[in-house]
Amino acid sequence: MNIPNMITMARLFMTALVFVCMQLAQRSGELHETLAWVAFWLFILAAATDFLDGYLARKWNLVTAFGRIADPFADKILITGTLVMLLQFEAATAILTHWYVVIVIGREFLVTAIRGVVEASGQQFGADQLGKWKMVTQCWTVGALMLLIVDVAWMEWPAIAGFWVSLVLTVVSGLNYVVKARHVILKGGI
């Protein structure tokens, strides 16, 4: 277990704490603002570790099979899980829709399946720039929505912009992975 992998594991732990804080923040139909703020800052810290662990793994030449699996898994749990948790907050659902969450989760299933098939054929199939920008805009969107929960009203327009930009990048980056993997996906016919 190297430092980048420990950072990835810490992200999973922080993600679980985000979920607990968000669930407890909405108990009995009342918002517990302190817990909502704790969830927001834990989310920001967890999102920041996504960029740190990959950077360190590449810089120190510590890319491992575990890290190649755990890092994208931690990202997917952080984003999709937090989006699902946000659906319980009226302030978030003024912008966040169920269909958006389904598209994000569906895209993650699709890309994970494609990555598995391509890598099983012996080729590496890591995240590309579109996928990284998709993650950045999803983090921006989730963070803005979390701030709306604690009544930071000026975040409405950044949340709306993030919603649409991240939606476009989610779809386009998913299609990009399909196109990049078509030689393996279509090999041998269907």
Protein backbone atom coordinates (compact mmCIF):
# COMPACT_ATOMS: atom_id res chain seq x y z
CA MET A 1 0.00 0.00 0.00
CA ASN A 2 1.72 3.16 -1.22
CA ILE A 3 0.88 6.80 -0.47
CA PRO A 4 -1.32 7.41 -3.56
CA ASN A 5 -3.34 4.27 -2.75
CA MET A 6 -3.70 5.37 0.88
CA ILE A 7 -5.02 8.72 -0.36
CA THR A 8 -7.55 6.88 -2.53
CA MET A 9 -8.67 4.82 0.47
CA ALA A 10 -8.96 8.01 2.54
CA ARG A 11 -11.21 9.42 -0.22
CA LEU A 12 -13.52 6.41 0.14
CA PHE A 13 -13.63 6.93 3.91
CA MET A 14 -14.35 10.67 3.52
CA THR A 15 -17.06 9.83 0.99
CA ALA A 16 -18.77 7.58 3.52
CA LEU A 17 -18.63 10.43 6.04
CA VAL A 18 -20.17 12.79 3.45
CA PHE A 19 -23.10 10.38 3.11
CA VAL A 20 -23.54 10.03 6.87
CA CYS A 21 -23.44 13.81 7.42
CA MET A 22 -25.91 14.41 4.58
CA GLN A 23 -28.31 11.80 5.91
CA LEU A 24 -28.11 13.16 9.45
CA ALA A 25 -28.41 16.75 8.19
CA GLN A 26 -31.90 16.02 6.88
CA ARG A 27 -33.35 14.10 9.84
CA SER A 28 -36.90 14.81 10.94
CA GLY A 29 -37.49 17.07 7.95
CA GLU A 30 -35.30 19.82 9.42
CA LEU A 31 -31.95 20.89 8.11
CA HIS A 32 -29.05 20.60 10.53
CA GLU A 33 -26.87 23.24 8.93
CA THR A 34 -23.63 22.33 10.73
CA LEU A 35 -23.77 18.76 9.40
CA ALA A 36 -24.53 20.06 5.90
CA TRP A 37 -21.44 22.30 6.08
CA VAL A 38 -19.31 19.39 7.35
CA ALA A 39 -20.57 17.29 4.42
CA PHE A 40 -19.67 20.10 1.98
CA TRP A 41 -16.10 20.49 3.28
CA LEU A 42 -15.57 16.71 3.38
CA PHE A 43 -16.78 16.55 -0.23
CA ILE A 44 -14.36 19.32 -1.27
CA LEU A 45 -11.47 17.57 0.49
CA ALA A 46 -12.38 14.19 -1.03
CA ALA A 47 -12.65 15.73 -4.51
CA ALA A 48 -9.24 17.37 -4.10
CA THR A 49 -7.65 14.04 -3.22
CA ASP A 50 -8.80 12.70 -6.61
CA PHE A 51 -6.32 14.97 -8.32
CA LEU A 52 -3.61 14.41 -5.72
CA ASP A 53 -3.46 10.61 -5.72
CA GLY A 54 -3.24 10.31 -9.51
CA TYR A 55 -0.63 13.05 -9.73
CA LEU A 56 1.56 11.43 -7.07
CA ALA A 57 1.16 7.93 -8.54
CA ARG A 58 2.37 9.15 -11.94
CA LYS A 59 5.09 11.44 -10.54
CA TRP A 60 6.55 8.77 -8.25
CA ASN A 61 5.93 5.93 -10.74
CA LEU A 62 3.64 4.18 -8.24
CA VAL A 63 0.78 3.26 -10.57
CA THR A 64 -0.57 -0.09 -9.36
CA ALA A 65 -3.35 -2.45 -10.42
CA PHE A 66 -5.09 -1.65 -7.13
CA GLY A 67 -4.89 2.08 -7.81
CA ARG A 68 -6.15 1.65 -11.39
CA ILE A 69 -9.26 -0.02 -9.96
CA ALA A 70 -9.73 1.84 -6.65
CA ASP A 71 -9.20 5.39 -7.94
CA PRO A 72 -12.01 5.43 -10.54
CA PHE A 73 -14.22 3.43 -8.16
CA ALA A 74 -13.72 6.05 -5.43
CA ASP A 75 -14.51 8.83 -7.92
CA LYS A 76 -17.70 7.14 -9.05
CA ILE A 77 -18.90 6.52 -5.50
CA LEU A 78 -18.11 10.11 -4.49
CA ILE A 79 -20.03 11.69 -7.38
CA THR A 80 -22.91 9.28 -7.89
CA GLY A 81 -23.47 8.70 -4.19
CA THR A 82 -23.47 12.40 -3.36
CA LEU A 83 -25.86 13.10 -6.23
CA VAL A 84 -28.24 10.44 -4.89
CA MET A 85 -27.96 11.91 -1.38
CA LEU A 86 -28.70 15.40 -2.76
CA LEU A 87 -32.07 14.19 -4.07
CA GLN A 88 -33.44 14.36 -0.50
CA PHE A 89 -32.92 18.14 -0.30
CA GLU A 90 -35.55 20.44 -1.77
CA ALA A 91 -33.01 23.22 -2.33
CA ALA A 92 -30.93 20.87 -4.52
CA THR A 93 -33.84 19.36 -6.43
CA ALA A 94 -34.91 22.79 -7.59
CA ILE A 95 -32.04 22.24 -10.08
CA LEU A 96 -30.97 18.59 -9.78
CA THR A 97 -33.26 16.15 -11.56
CA HIS A 98 -33.65 12.40 -11.23
CA TRP A 99 -32.96 11.92 -14.93
CA TYR A 100 -29.64 13.75 -14.62
CA VAL A 101 -28.60 11.37 -11.83
CA VAL A 102 -29.66 8.36 -13.95
CA ILE A 103 -27.59 9.63 -16.91
CA VAL A 104 -24.52 10.13 -14.70
CA ILE A 105 -24.85 6.67 -13.14
CA GLY A 106 -25.57 5.04 -16.52
CA ARG A 107 -22.52 6.67 -18.06
CA GLU A 108 -20.34 5.38 -15.23
CA PHE A 109 -21.65 1.82 -15.68
CA LEU A 110 -21.03 2.05 -19.42
CA VAL A 111 -17.48 3.39 -19.14
CA THR A 112 -16.58 0.84 -16.45
CA ALA A 113 -17.84 -2.00 -18.66
CA ILE A 114 -15.97 -0.67 -21.69
CA ARG A 115 -12.79 -0.20 -19.66
CA GLY A 116 -13.06 -3.79 -18.40
CA VAL A 117 -13.47 -5.22 -21.91
CA VAL A 118 -10.65 -3.15 -23.41
CA GLU A 119 -8.23 -3.86 -20.56
CA ALA A 120 -9.12 -7.59 -20.68
CA SER A 121 -7.89 -7.49 -24.28
CA GLY A 122 -4.50 -6.39 -22.98
CA GLN A 123 -4.73 -2.68 -23.72
CA GLN A 124 -4.67 0.10 -21.16
CA PHE A 125 -7.75 2.31 -21.17
CA GLY A 126 -7.37 5.05 -18.60
CA ALA A 127 -9.22 8.33 -18.23
CA ASP A 128 -8.78 10.88 -20.98
CA GLN A 129 -9.00 14.69 -20.86
CA LEU A 130 -12.75 14.75 -21.52
CA GLY A 131 -13.28 12.32 -18.65
CA LYS A 132 -11.18 14.48 -16.37
CA TRP A 133 -13.07 17.64 -17.33
CA LYS A 134 -16.31 15.75 -16.77
CA MET A 135 -15.17 14.97 -13.22
CA VAL A 136 -14.21 18.61 -12.59
CA THR A 137 -17.59 19.91 -13.76
CA GLN A 138 -19.47 17.26 -11.78
CA CYS A 139 -17.54 18.25 -8.64
CA TRP A 140 -18.35 21.91 -9.34
CA THR A 141 -22.04 21.05 -9.77
CA VAL A 142 -22.24 18.91 -6.64
CA GLY A 143 -20.38 21.51 -4.57
CA ALA A 144 -22.67 24.30 -5.77
CA LEU A 145 -25.77 22.21 -5.02
CA MET A 146 -24.45 21.44 -1.54
CA LEU A 147 -24.02 25.17 -0.92
CA LEU A 148 -27.62 25.78 -1.98
CA ILE A 149 -28.69 23.43 0.80
CA VAL A 150 -27.13 25.76 3.37
CA ASP A 151 -28.79 28.74 1.69
CA VAL A 152 -25.83 30.25 -0.16
CA ALA A 153 -28.29 31.75 -2.65
CA TRP A 154 -25.71 33.23 -5.05
CA MET A 155 -24.68 29.65 -5.95
CA GLU A 156 -27.91 29.13 -7.92
CA TRP A 157 -26.47 30.25 -11.27
CA PRO A 158 -23.14 28.40 -10.83
CA ALA A 159 -25.19 25.29 -9.96
CA ILE A 160 -27.38 25.68 -13.05
CA ALA A 161 -24.37 26.29 -15.30
CA GLY A 162 -22.56 23.33 -13.75
CA PHE A 163 -25.62 21.14 -14.25
CA TRP A 164 -25.74 21.79 -18.00
CA VAL A 165 -21.99 21.82 -18.63
CA SER A 166 -21.48 18.60 -16.66
CA LEU A 167 -24.46 16.98 -18.41
CA VAL A 168 -22.97 17.73 -21.83
CA LEU A 169 -19.50 16.53 -20.77
CA THR A 170 -20.96 13.41 -19.16
CA VAL A 171 -22.70 12.41 -22.39
CA VAL A 172 -19.92 13.49 -24.77
CA SER A 173 -17.15 11.84 -22.74
CA GLY A 174 -19.19 8.63 -22.51
CA LEU A 175 -19.69 8.59 -26.28
CA ASN A 176 -15.99 9.37 -26.74
CA TYR A 177 -15.07 6.23 -24.77
CA VAL A 178 -17.43 4.17 -26.93
CA VAL A 179 -15.81 5.52 -30.12
CA LYS A 180 -12.27 4.97 -28.77
CA ALA A 181 -13.10 1.36 -27.84
CA ARG A 182 -15.13 0.45 -30.92
CA HIS A 183 -12.27 -1.64 -32.37
CA VAL A 184 -12.41 -3.92 -29.32
CA ILE A 185 -16.18 -3.76 -28.72
CA LEU A 186 -17.03 -4.73 -32.31
CA LYS A 187 -14.25 -7.31 -32.69
CA GLY A 188 -15.76 -10.61 -33.71
CA GLY A 189 -19.26 -9.18 -34.17
CA ILE A 190 -22.22 -9.13 -31.84
